[in-house]
């Protein structure tokens, strides 16, 4: 009985971590393949201007594909050069998802 428990203790975690997830690259490239008649869910020129400056592109190259607005906050997914990027809004400030604006380490 002890051998069985000991064996299961090592086999089950190995099987759990051995499962293969779908690569994110395939999922993200499909996200920005938009139909020709796609209409943006939100007209937000401030967001487009911020994203354009942040990525060094023109505002016409920024396409908002998903928007979730809340009271004073929001999460937006935009396509820039066929790459989806997430931005969040806190108050009146936009920032790229996952970046810490208070981290000044260089």
Protein backbone atom coordinates (compact mmCIF):
# COMPACT_ATOMS: atom_id res chain seq x y z
CA UNK A 1 0.00 0.00 0.00
CA UNK A 2 2.84 2.39 0.81
CA UNK A 3 4.46 1.65 -2.55
CA UNK A 4 1.23 2.42 -4.38
CA UNK A 5 0.80 5.76 -2.62
CA UNK A 6 4.45 6.63 -3.16
CA UNK A 7 4.20 5.75 -6.86
CA UNK A 8 1.01 7.76 -7.34
CA UNK A 9 2.58 10.70 -5.54
CA UNK A 10 5.19 10.96 -8.32
CA UNK A 11 3.23 9.77 -11.34
CA UNK A 12 0.17 12.02 -11.07
CA UNK A 13 2.07 15.34 -10.93
CA UNK A 14 4.22 14.20 -13.86
CA UNK A 15 1.13 13.48 -15.94
CA UNK A 16 -0.41 16.80 -14.94
CA UNK A 17 2.60 18.87 -16.04
CA UNK A 18 3.18 16.79 -19.17
CA UNK A 19 -0.06 17.98 -20.77
CA UNK A 20 0.58 20.18 -23.76
CA UNK A 21 -1.19 23.52 -24.09
CA UNK A 22 -1.92 25.17 -27.41
CA UNK A 23 0.79 27.64 -28.35
CA UNK A 24 -0.25 31.24 -27.74
CA UNK A 25 1.21 32.37 -31.06
CA UNK A 26 -1.47 30.52 -33.01
CA UNK A 27 -4.23 31.95 -30.85
CA UNK A 28 -2.98 35.52 -31.05
CA UNK A 29 -2.45 35.59 -34.81
CA UNK A 30 -6.03 34.45 -35.39
CA UNK A 31 -7.34 37.15 -33.07
CA UNK A 32 -6.20 39.93 -35.41
CA UNK A 33 -7.47 38.30 -38.62
CA UNK A 34 -10.54 40.50 -38.89
CA UNK A 35 -13.21 40.42 -41.60
CA UNK A 36 -13.40 43.33 -44.01
CA UNK A 37 -16.71 44.54 -42.57
CA UNK A 38 -15.43 44.57 -38.96
CA UNK A 39 -16.67 47.52 -36.91
CA UNK A 40 -14.84 48.60 -33.81
CA UNK A 41 -16.89 48.14 -30.63
CA UNK A 42 -15.78 51.52 -29.30
CA UNK A 43 -14.69 54.85 -30.76
CA UNK A 44 -11.95 56.05 -28.44
CA UNK A 45 -9.53 58.46 -30.08
CA UNK A 46 -7.54 58.99 -26.87
CA UNK A 47 -6.81 55.27 -26.63
CA UNK A 48 -5.85 55.06 -30.29
CA UNK A 49 -3.53 58.04 -29.96
CA UNK A 50 -1.87 56.57 -26.86
CA UNK A 51 -1.39 53.15 -28.47
CA UNK A 52 -0.04 54.71 -31.66
CA UNK A 53 2.56 56.72 -29.74
CA UNK A 54 3.41 53.76 -27.48
CA UNK A 55 4.09 51.48 -30.46
CA UNK A 56 5.45 54.02 -32.96
CA UNK A 57 2.69 53.63 -35.56
CA UNK A 58 -0.02 55.88 -36.98
CA UNK A 59 -3.49 56.01 -35.47
CA UNK A 60 -4.97 54.41 -38.60
CA UNK A 61 -3.00 51.21 -37.92
CA UNK A 62 -4.59 50.76 -34.47
CA UNK A 63 -7.80 48.71 -34.39
CA UNK A 64 -9.79 48.26 -31.18
CA UNK A 65 -11.14 44.70 -31.24
CA UNK A 66 -12.45 44.31 -27.68
CA UNK A 67 -13.51 46.78 -25.00
CA UNK A 68 -14.74 46.24 -21.47
CA UNK A 69 -15.65 49.50 -19.80
CA UNK A 70 -16.29 49.96 -16.12
CA UNK A 71 -16.74 52.97 -13.89
CA UNK A 72 -13.36 54.70 -14.14
CA UNK A 73 -11.62 51.63 -15.52
CA UNK A 74 -11.52 49.40 -18.56
CA UNK A 75 -9.65 46.69 -20.39
CA UNK A 76 -9.08 47.00 -24.13
CA UNK A 77 -7.55 44.69 -26.72
CA UNK A 78 -6.12 46.38 -29.79
CA UNK A 79 -4.39 45.08 -32.89
CA UNK A 80 -1.16 46.75 -33.93
CA UNK A 81 0.74 45.27 -36.89
CA UNK A 82 -1.34 42.07 -36.65
CA UNK A 83 -0.38 41.61 -32.97
CA UNK A 84 -2.99 41.85 -30.21
CA UNK A 85 -1.97 43.99 -27.24
CA UNK A 86 -3.99 44.55 -24.08
CA UNK A 87 -4.28 47.94 -22.44
CA UNK A 88 -6.03 48.93 -19.27
CA UNK A 89 -7.51 52.22 -18.17
CA UNK A 90 -7.29 53.43 -14.60
CA UNK A 91 -9.13 56.70 -14.12
CA UNK A 92 -8.06 58.75 -17.12
CA UNK A 93 -4.72 56.99 -17.71
CA UNK A 94 -4.07 54.19 -20.20
CA UNK A 95 -1.24 51.70 -19.75
CA UNK A 96 -0.15 48.46 -21.30
CA UNK A 97 -1.40 45.39 -19.45
CA UNK A 98 1.27 43.95 -17.17
CA UNK A 99 3.48 47.05 -17.01
CA UNK A 100 4.00 48.61 -13.61
CA UNK A 101 4.11 52.41 -13.96
CA UNK A 102 5.64 52.77 -10.50
CA UNK A 103 8.66 50.57 -11.27
CA UNK A 104 11.45 52.99 -12.15
CA UNK A 105 14.23 50.39 -12.32
CA UNK A 106 16.20 50.70 -15.54
